[in-house]
């Protein structure tokens, strides 16, 4: 098994929407776990990576190049309706905050919960709501009437956003070990590297200024996206 890490740094506030809100508080809530830590689902991240790779392949100048690299993308990410034999070779995990931070705070929250169970009158000093509110804030916006410049009635909405500068990490797993002497494996890693660099916007509202990110791909020792051999390899065919 080969394991790589996709690191994401938020350059602007972002909303990893979960598709609903909280009545009386926000119209769009961010995806978060039971401890209050926001995260981006692996399936969503995989779709974003696949989309960026498809966009890069589409602008290659030669038909033979586009055909070759599309086959590599299908091998890497799979295709709709994939079977066990044709599913993608990479599994993309949820993008979460650094594990050491999450484990330390989760342990404290669990300890507070145990105290609460033993003594119903005990007031926890730290809750999951505290964690969520420390990592996010609420942004409000309204539509503007183009004729008079006044806010449109009943258009005020509020979204929770994850604060900029926070780092997220996702594990990318290959069931088989990638081999340096395998042309197909080298192609998949090259495509994954350029797709990672091309990923600049994620989350809800990414076309309206939110979710600006900087992404990098790492193995156990090095940053792959800094290796120009992989970048220059993209687009070539034998």
Protein backbone atom coordinates (compact mmCIF):
# COMPACT_ATOMS: atom_id res chain seq x y z
CA UNK A 1 0.00 0.00 0.00
CA UNK A 2 1.23 3.51 -0.87
CA UNK A 3 0.18 6.48 1.24
CA UNK A 4 0.42 10.14 0.28
CA UNK A 5 -0.74 13.27 2.06
CA UNK A 6 -2.60 16.13 0.43
CA UNK A 7 -2.09 19.30 2.48
CA UNK A 8 -4.53 22.18 2.14
CA UNK A 9 -3.98 25.67 3.50
CA UNK A 10 -6.95 28.04 3.52
CA UNK A 11 -5.96 31.39 2.00
CA UNK A 12 -9.47 32.75 2.52
CA UNK A 13 -12.49 31.80 4.60
CA UNK A 14 -14.20 28.67 3.29
CA UNK A 15 -17.49 26.82 3.72
CA UNK A 16 -17.43 23.04 3.55
CA UNK A 17 -21.20 22.93 3.34
CA UNK A 18 -23.22 19.94 4.51
CA UNK A 19 -26.40 20.91 2.68
CA UNK A 20 -28.48 22.28 5.53
CA UNK A 21 -28.49 24.91 8.22
CA UNK A 22 -29.44 25.43 11.86
CA UNK A 23 -32.81 27.04 12.43
CA UNK A 24 -32.46 30.54 13.86
CA UNK A 25 -28.66 30.53 13.55
CA UNK A 26 -27.27 29.87 10.06
CA UNK A 27 -28.75 29.05 6.66
CA UNK A 28 -25.73 26.96 5.72
CA UNK A 29 -23.76 24.99 8.30
CA UNK A 30 -20.26 23.59 7.72
CA UNK A 31 -19.55 19.88 7.86
CA UNK A 32 -18.11 19.04 11.28
CA UNK A 33 -17.64 16.00 13.49
CA UNK A 34 -19.05 15.38 16.97
CA UNK A 35 -16.16 17.26 18.56
CA UNK A 36 -16.84 20.39 16.49
CA UNK A 37 -13.91 20.03 14.07
CA UNK A 38 -14.79 21.10 10.51
CA UNK A 39 -13.72 18.80 7.66
CA UNK A 40 -14.14 18.23 3.94
CA UNK A 41 -15.51 14.87 2.86
CA UNK A 42 -13.07 12.68 0.95
CA UNK A 43 -15.61 12.00 -1.78
CA UNK A 44 -16.00 15.73 -2.39
CA UNK A 45 -12.24 16.28 -2.45
CA UNK A 46 -11.77 13.40 -4.89
CA UNK A 47 -14.37 14.94 -7.19
CA UNK A 48 -12.60 18.30 -7.08
CA UNK A 49 -9.24 16.70 -7.90
CA UNK A 50 -10.76 14.71 -10.73
CA UNK A 51 -12.38 17.84 -12.15
CA UNK A 52 -9.10 19.76 -12.13
CA UNK A 53 -7.30 16.87 -13.86
CA UNK A 54 -10.03 16.73 -16.52
CA UNK A 55 -9.66 20.48 -17.11
CA UNK A 56 -5.89 20.13 -17.56
CA UNK A 57 -6.28 17.19 -19.94
CA UNK A 58 -8.84 19.08 -22.04
CA UNK A 59 -6.31 21.80 -22.96
CA UNK A 60 -3.56 19.43 -24.14
CA UNK A 61 -2.80 20.20 -27.79
CA UNK A 62 -2.77 16.69 -29.31
CA UNK A 63 -5.60 14.15 -29.46
CA UNK A 64 -3.16 11.37 -28.65
CA UNK A 65 -2.08 13.21 -25.50
CA UNK A 66 -5.63 13.83 -24.37
CA UNK A 67 -6.60 10.20 -24.97
CA UNK A 68 -3.59 8.84 -23.11
CA UNK A 69 -3.98 11.09 -20.06
CA UNK A 70 -7.74 10.56 -19.92
CA UNK A 71 -7.06 6.84 -19.63
CA UNK A 72 -4.65 7.60 -16.77
CA UNK A 73 -7.31 9.76 -15.07
CA UNK A 74 -9.87 6.96 -15.41
CA UNK A 75 -7.38 4.54 -13.90
CA UNK A 76 -6.61 6.94 -11.05
CA UNK A 77 -10.11 8.15 -10.14
CA UNK A 78 -12.37 5.58 -11.80
CA UNK A 79 -15.37 6.33 -13.98
CA UNK A 80 -19.10 6.62 -13.18
CA UNK A 81 -20.60 3.18 -12.65
CA UNK A 82 -17.22 1.59 -11.97
CA UNK A 83 -17.10 -2.06 -10.95
CA UNK A 84 -14.54 -3.67 -8.66
CA UNK A 85 -12.35 -4.21 -11.70
CA UNK A 86 -12.60 -0.66 -13.04
CA UNK A 87 -12.82 1.48 -9.90
CA UNK A 88 -10.19 4.14 -9.27
CA UNK A 89 -6.90 3.13 -7.71
CA UNK A 90 -6.75 6.04 -5.27
CA UNK A 91 -8.86 6.34 -2.13
CA UNK A 92 -9.17 9.92 -0.86
CA UNK A 93 -9.73 10.36 2.86
CA UNK A 94 -11.52 13.23 4.58
CA UNK A 95 -9.53 16.47 4.79
CA UNK A 96 -9.21 17.20 8.52
CA UNK A 97 -7.26 19.46 10.83
CA UNK A 98 -3.90 18.04 12.03
CA UNK A 99 -4.41 14.81 13.94
CA UNK A 100 -2.31 15.74 17.00
CA UNK A 101 -4.52 18.80 17.60
CA UNK A 102 -7.74 16.85 17.13
CA UNK A 103 -6.68 13.96 19.37
CA UNK A 104 -5.55 16.24 22.20
CA UNK A 105 -8.75 18.28 22.23
CA UNK A 106 -10.97 15.22 21.71
CA UNK A 107 -9.42 13.61 24.78
CA UNK A 108 -10.25 16.70 26.85
CA UNK A 109 -13.81 16.79 25.54
CA UNK A 110 -14.28 13.11 26.36
CA UNK A 111 -12.98 13.72 29.87
CA UNK A 112 -15.42 16.61 30.31
CA UNK A 113 -18.28 14.41 29.10
CA UNK A 114 -17.42 11.68 31.61
CA UNK A 115 -17.46 14.24 34.43
CA UNK A 116 -20.87 15.41 33.24
CA UNK A 117 -22.18 11.83 33.25
CA UNK A 118 -20.98 11.29 36.82
CA UNK A 119 -22.33 14.62 38.03
CA UNK A 120 -25.30 16.04 36.06
CA UNK A 121 -24.78 19.41 37.76
CA UNK A 122 -21.22 19.68 36.47
CA UNK A 123 -20.74 22.44 33.88
CA UNK A 124 -18.11 21.47 31.26
CA UNK A 125 -15.33 23.99 30.75
CA UNK A 126 -15.03 22.98 27.10
CA UNK A 127 -17.70 21.79 24.65
CA UNK A 128 -17.88 20.85 20.98
CA UNK A 129 -19.74 24.12 20.36
CA UNK A 130 -16.76 26.02 21.79
CA UNK A 131 -14.46 24.19 19.38
CA UNK A 132 -16.66 24.88 16.37
CA UNK A 133 -17.04 28.56 17.22
CA UNK A 134 -13.28 28.98 17.78
CA UNK A 135 -12.52 27.67 14.27
CA UNK A 136 -15.37 29.32 12.40
CA UNK A 137 -17.43 32.46 12.23
CA UNK A 138 -20.72 33.50 10.65
CA UNK A 139 -20.85 35.67 7.54
CA UNK A 140 -24.05 37.43 6.51
CA UNK A 141 -24.94 38.72 3.07
CA UNK A 142 -27.91 40.06 1.17
CA UNK A 143 -28.87 40.56 -2.45
CA UNK A 144 -28.84 44.12 -3.79
CA UNK A 145 -31.56 45.47 -6.05
CA UNK A 146 -29.72 46.71 -9.19
CA UNK A 147 -32.28 49.47 -9.78
CA UNK A 148 -32.02 51.36 -6.51
CA UNK A 149 -29.03 49.73 -4.78
CA UNK A 150 -31.13 48.80 -1.75
CA UNK A 151 -31.08 45.35 -0.14
CA UNK A 152 -33.68 43.00 -1.62
CA UNK A 153 -36.39 42.04 0.84
CA UNK A 154 -36.10 38.61 2.49
CA UNK A 155 -32.69 37.99 0.87
CA UNK A 156 -30.56 38.14 4.03
CA UNK A 157 -28.79 34.83 4.61
CA UNK A 158 -26.05 33.69 6.96
CA UNK A 159 -23.37 31.08 6.31
CA UNK A 160 -20.83 29.63 8.68
CA UNK A 161 -17.29 29.86 7.33
CA UNK A 162 -14.05 28.22 8.39
CA UNK A 163 -11.38 30.77 9.24
CA UNK A 164 -8.55 31.38 6.83
CA UNK A 165 -4.99 30.11 7.48
CA UNK A 166 -6.20 26.83 8.97
CA UNK A 167 -4.39 23.72 7.63
CA UNK A 168 -6.14 20.54 6.55
CA UNK A 169 -4.71 17.16 5.59
CA UNK A 170 -6.14 14.26 3.59
CA UNK A 171 -4.62 10.78 3.22
CA UNK A 172 -4.48 9.39 -0.32
CA UNK A 173 -4.21 5.62 -0.32
CA UNK A 174 -3.29 3.24 -3.13
CA UNK A 175 -4.06 -0.40 -2.45
CA UNK A 176 -0.86 -1.48 -4.22
CA UNK A 177 2.63 -0.05 -3.86
CA UNK A 178 3.44 2.44 -6.61
CA UNK A 179 6.60 1.43 -8.44
CA UNK A 180 9.20 3.88 -9.70
CA UNK A 181 9.91 1.73 -12.76
CA UNK A 182 6.22 1.49 -13.74
CA UNK A 183 5.28 3.97 -16.48
CA UNK A 184 1.60 3.85 -15.52
CA UNK A 185 2.36 4.52 -11.85
CA UNK A 186 4.62 7.42 -12.79
CA UNK A 187 1.88 8.85 -15.00
CA UNK A 188 -0.71 8.58 -12.23
CA UNK A 189 1.55 10.36 -9.75
CA UNK A 190 2.37 13.09 -12.30
CA UNK A 191 -1.33 13.66 -13.01
CA UNK A 192 -2.12 13.72 -9.30
CA UNK A 193 0.66 16.26 -8.71
CA UNK A 194 -0.49 18.71 -11.39
CA UNK A 195 -4.13 18.25 -10.36
CA UNK A 196 -3.16 19.11 -6.78
CA UNK A 197 -1.39 22.28 -7.88
CA UNK A 198 -4.37 23.26 -10.04
CA UNK A 199 -6.82 22.93 -7.16
CA UNK A 200 -7.26 26.53 -6.00
CA UNK A 201 -10.92 26.76 -4.90
CA UNK A 202 -12.97 24.43 -2.73
CA UNK A 203 -16.24 24.50 -0.82
CA UNK A 204 -19.46 26.45 -1.24
CA UNK A 205 -19.12 29.95 -2.68
CA UNK A 206 -15.79 29.12 -4.33
CA UNK A 207 -16.85 31.14 -7.38
CA UNK A 208 -17.59 34.15 -5.18
CA UNK A 209 -14.32 34.62 -3.38
CA UNK A 210 -14.48 31.91 -0.74
CA UNK A 211 -12.45 28.75 -0.47
CA UNK A 212 -9.18 30.02 -1.96
CA UNK A 213 -6.61 27.36 -1.07
CA UNK A 214 -3.01 26.34 -1.61
CA UNK A 215 -2.50 22.59 -2.01
CA UNK A 216 0.57 20.37 -1.97
CA UNK A 217 1.18 16.62 -2.30
CA UNK A 218 3.64 14.79 -0.05
CA UNK A 219 5.00 11.29 0.41
CA UNK A 220 6.65 10.14 3.63
CA UNK A 221 9.80 12.20 3.03
CA UNK A 222 9.33 14.79 0.28
CA UNK A 223 6.91 17.24 -1.28
CA UNK A 224 6.05 15.78 -4.67
CA UNK A 225 4.57 18.99 -6.01
CA UNK A 226 8.02 20.61 -5.74
CA UNK A 227 9.57 17.90 -7.91
CA UNK A 228 9.68 19.35 -11.42
CA UNK A 229 10.22 15.89 -12.91
CA UNK A 230 6.57 15.05 -12.22
CA UNK A 231 5.32 18.41 -13.46
CA UNK A 232 7.32 18.23 -16.68
CA UNK A 233 6.27 14.61 -17.20
CA UNK A 234 2.63 15.59 -17.52
CA UNK A 235 1.47 15.88 -21.10
CA UNK A 236 4.10 13.55 -22.49
CA UNK A 237 3.27 10.22 -24.05
CA UNK A 238 5.60 7.47 -25.17
